[in-house]
Protein backbone atom coordinates (compact mmCIF):
# COMPACT_ATOMS: atom_id res chain seq x y z
CA UNK A 1 -130.39 -106.53 17.24
CA UNK A 2 -127.09 -104.57 16.20
CA UNK A 3 -126.03 -105.75 12.79
CA UNK A 4 -122.25 -105.32 13.72
CA UNK A 5 -122.80 -108.27 16.31
CA UNK A 6 -124.50 -110.59 13.80
CA UNK A 7 -122.05 -113.50 14.05
CA UNK A 8 -122.23 -116.61 11.76
CA UNK A 9 -120.94 -119.99 12.43
CA UNK A 10 -117.07 -120.03 12.09
CA UNK A 11 -116.62 -116.39 12.96
CA UNK A 12 -114.29 -115.31 15.55
CA UNK A 13 -115.35 -113.22 18.48
CA UNK A 14 -113.73 -111.88 21.65
CA UNK A 15 -115.72 -112.74 24.96
CA UNK A 16 -114.49 -110.49 27.75
CA UNK A 17 -111.69 -112.01 30.17
CA UNK A 18 -111.74 -115.22 28.31
CA UNK A 19 -110.37 -113.98 24.79
CA UNK A 20 -110.86 -115.24 21.28
CA UNK A 21 -113.40 -117.72 20.54
CA UNK A 22 -114.96 -119.26 17.46
CA UNK A 23 -118.84 -119.41 16.83
CA UNK A 24 -119.41 -123.05 16.52
CA UNK A 25 -123.01 -123.22 16.38
CA UNK A 26 -126.25 -120.90 16.95
CA UNK A 27 -129.04 -122.90 18.83
CA UNK A 28 -132.24 -122.32 19.98
CA UNK A 29 -132.75 -123.43 23.62
CA UNK A 30 -135.78 -123.02 25.96
CA UNK A 31 -134.89 -121.52 29.15
CA UNK A 32 -137.74 -120.96 31.83
CA UNK A 33 -140.28 -121.63 29.22
CA UNK A 34 -139.00 -118.92 26.83
CA UNK A 35 -137.29 -119.80 23.56
CA UNK A 36 -133.87 -117.98 23.30
CA UNK A 37 -131.26 -118.11 20.45
CA UNK A 38 -127.61 -118.57 21.65
CA UNK A 39 -124.05 -118.20 20.13
CA UNK A 40 -122.15 -121.18 21.06
CA UNK A 41 -118.66 -120.11 21.59
CA UNK A 42 -115.49 -122.19 21.86
CA UNK A 43 -112.68 -120.39 23.39
CA UNK A 44 -109.57 -120.88 21.39
CA UNK A 45 -107.03 -120.73 24.27
CA UNK A 46 -108.57 -123.58 26.45
CA UNK A 47 -111.54 -125.12 24.51
CA UNK A 48 -114.24 -123.91 27.14
CA UNK A 49 -117.63 -123.52 25.59
CA UNK A 50 -119.76 -120.36 26.41
CA UNK A 51 -123.45 -119.90 25.59
CA UNK A 52 -124.22 -116.52 24.81
CA UNK A 53 -127.80 -115.29 24.48
CA UNK A 54 -127.91 -113.69 20.81
CA UNK A 55 -129.91 -110.78 22.48
CA UNK A 56 -127.50 -109.99 25.21
CA UNK A 57 -124.41 -110.52 23.10
CA UNK A 58 -123.56 -106.73 23.06
CA UNK A 59 -124.55 -106.26 26.81
CA UNK A 60 -122.09 -109.08 27.78
CA UNK A 61 -119.44 -107.57 25.92
CA UNK A 62 -119.09 -110.04 23.02
CA UNK A 63 -117.36 -108.44 20.12
CA UNK A 64 -115.54 -108.87 16.79
CA UNK A 65 -111.76 -109.28 16.69
CA UNK A 66 -110.13 -105.72 16.00
CA UNK A 67 -109.41 -104.99 12.55
CA UNK A 68 -105.92 -105.02 11.16
CA UNK A 69 -105.78 -101.26 11.19
CA UNK A 70 -106.67 -100.98 14.88
CA UNK A 71 -103.39 -103.25 15.76
CA UNK A 72 -101.08 -100.05 15.46
CA UNK A 73 -103.27 -98.25 18.17
CA UNK A 74 -102.67 -101.21 20.39
CA UNK A 75 -98.83 -101.30 19.70
CA UNK A 76 -98.86 -97.43 20.52
CA UNK A 77 -100.43 -98.18 23.95
CA UNK A 78 -97.89 -100.66 24.56
CA UNK A 79 -95.02 -98.31 23.80
CA UNK A 80 -96.06 -95.46 26.10
CA UNK A 81 -94.08 -95.30 29.28
CA UNK A 82 -96.64 -93.92 31.44
CA UNK A 83 -98.70 -96.05 33.68
CA UNK A 84 -102.49 -95.66 33.93
CA UNK A 85 -102.52 -96.82 37.51
CA UNK A 86 -100.30 -95.40 40.06
CA UNK A 87 -97.39 -97.45 41.21
CA UNK A 88 -97.84 -96.20 44.77
CA UNK A 89 -101.15 -97.87 45.35
CA UNK A 90 -101.19 -101.17 47.12
CA UNK A 91 -100.80 -104.36 44.82
CA UNK A 92 -104.36 -105.35 45.71
CA UNK A 93 -105.86 -102.17 44.84
CA UNK A 94 -104.00 -102.14 41.55
CA UNK A 95 -105.08 -105.74 40.79
CA UNK A 96 -108.66 -104.81 41.39
CA UNK A 97 -108.20 -101.95 38.92
CA UNK A 98 -106.42 -104.15 36.46
CA UNK A 99 -109.01 -106.83 36.80
CA UNK A 100 -111.76 -104.26 35.87
CA UNK A 101 -110.06 -103.42 32.70
CA UNK A 102 -109.43 -106.98 31.62
CA UNK A 103 -113.15 -107.54 32.21
CA UNK A 104 -114.28 -104.83 29.93
CA UNK A 105 -113.14 -107.07 27.11
CA UNK A 106 -111.37 -104.06 25.39
CA UNK A 107 -108.06 -104.88 23.47
CA UNK A 108 -106.88 -101.34 24.49
CA UNK A 109 -107.59 -101.69 28.27
CA UNK A 110 -105.83 -105.15 28.09
CA UNK A 111 -103.00 -103.52 26.33
CA UNK A 112 -102.73 -100.96 29.11
CA UNK A 113 -102.68 -103.67 31.88
CA UNK A 114 -99.81 -105.51 30.00
CA UNK A 115 -97.73 -102.36 29.75
CA UNK A 116 -98.39 -101.25 33.19
CA UNK A 117 -97.36 -104.65 34.67
CA UNK A 118 -94.38 -104.73 32.63
CA UNK A 119 -93.37 -101.32 33.52
CA UNK A 120 -94.07 -102.27 37.11
CA UNK A 121 -92.00 -105.39 36.74
CA UNK A 122 -88.80 -103.42 36.10
CA UNK A 123 -89.20 -101.44 39.41
CA UNK A 124 -90.17 -104.15 41.82
CA UNK A 125 -91.12 -107.74 42.20
CA UNK A 126 -94.65 -108.57 41.12
CA UNK A 127 -97.16 -110.15 43.36
CA UNK A 128 -98.25 -113.56 42.55
CA UNK A 129 -101.66 -112.23 41.40
CA UNK A 130 -100.02 -109.44 39.27
CA UNK A 131 -97.66 -112.04 37.60
CA UNK A 132 -100.75 -114.22 36.90
CA UNK A 133 -102.67 -111.29 35.52
CA UNK A 134 -99.59 -110.17 33.34
CA UNK A 135 -99.80 -113.72 31.86
CA UNK A 136 -103.48 -113.60 31.34
CA UNK A 137 -103.24 -110.10 29.70
CA UNK A 138 -100.23 -111.41 27.68
CA UNK A 139 -102.39 -114.58 26.34
CA UNK A 140 -105.47 -112.28 25.81
CA UNK A 141 -103.49 -109.87 23.52
CA UNK A 142 -101.29 -112.22 21.73
CA UNK A 143 -104.32 -114.34 20.56
CA UNK A 144 -106.29 -111.42 19.42
CA UNK A 145 -103.29 -109.60 17.75
CA UNK A 146 -102.25 -112.85 15.81
CA UNK A 147 -105.71 -113.22 14.45
CA UNK A 148 -106.12 -109.54 13.59
CA UNK A 149 -102.66 -109.42 11.80
CA UNK A 150 -103.18 -112.91 10.42
CA UNK A 151 -99.78 -114.02 11.81
CA UNK A 152 -98.41 -116.65 14.01
CA UNK A 153 -98.77 -116.06 17.75
CA UNK A 154 -94.96 -116.40 17.99
CA UNK A 155 -94.65 -113.29 15.81
CA UNK A 156 -96.82 -111.34 18.20
CA UNK A 157 -94.76 -112.71 21.20
CA UNK A 158 -91.30 -111.61 19.48
CA UNK A 159 -92.86 -108.05 18.90
CA UNK A 160 -93.85 -107.75 22.76
CA UNK A 161 -90.54 -109.05 23.60
CA UNK A 162 -88.89 -106.31 21.52
CA UNK A 163 -91.21 -103.59 22.62
CA UNK A 164 -90.52 -104.66 26.62
CA UNK A 165 -86.83 -105.59 26.00
CA UNK A 166 -87.12 -109.05 27.51
């Protein structure tokens, strides 16, 4: 197994599209006659429990919270004024592309989605789905950045408000 994905109980980890969770236990379970070891992850935002097979942790996108020195890269993405997905596309096509980015679990992709939706919001009314996705991207980003920077979520929220003038 990739040693960079060796989590211990109490570690924080990011699960794609669900956000930051805490490894609450590591358990062996028998599934279809085969013993497997699972990380039991409790998502911080909503308390959801997710069982991730240890051997598949990398392939499902489970990863460590970004390091403090990567936070600047995220903020640089947020400050860019060009969108990564064209505004001329229909809202449902944009929605699908944004959802794919969120599902990657990459904090950088989530930052692009948040930035793009904020920029789009200035030009026109967002669809219900886009507003919901904006909230999802913001929640995912705020939680991870607050842990990476070791600050309160409110501090990150204020930084985002400053970047997006809202």
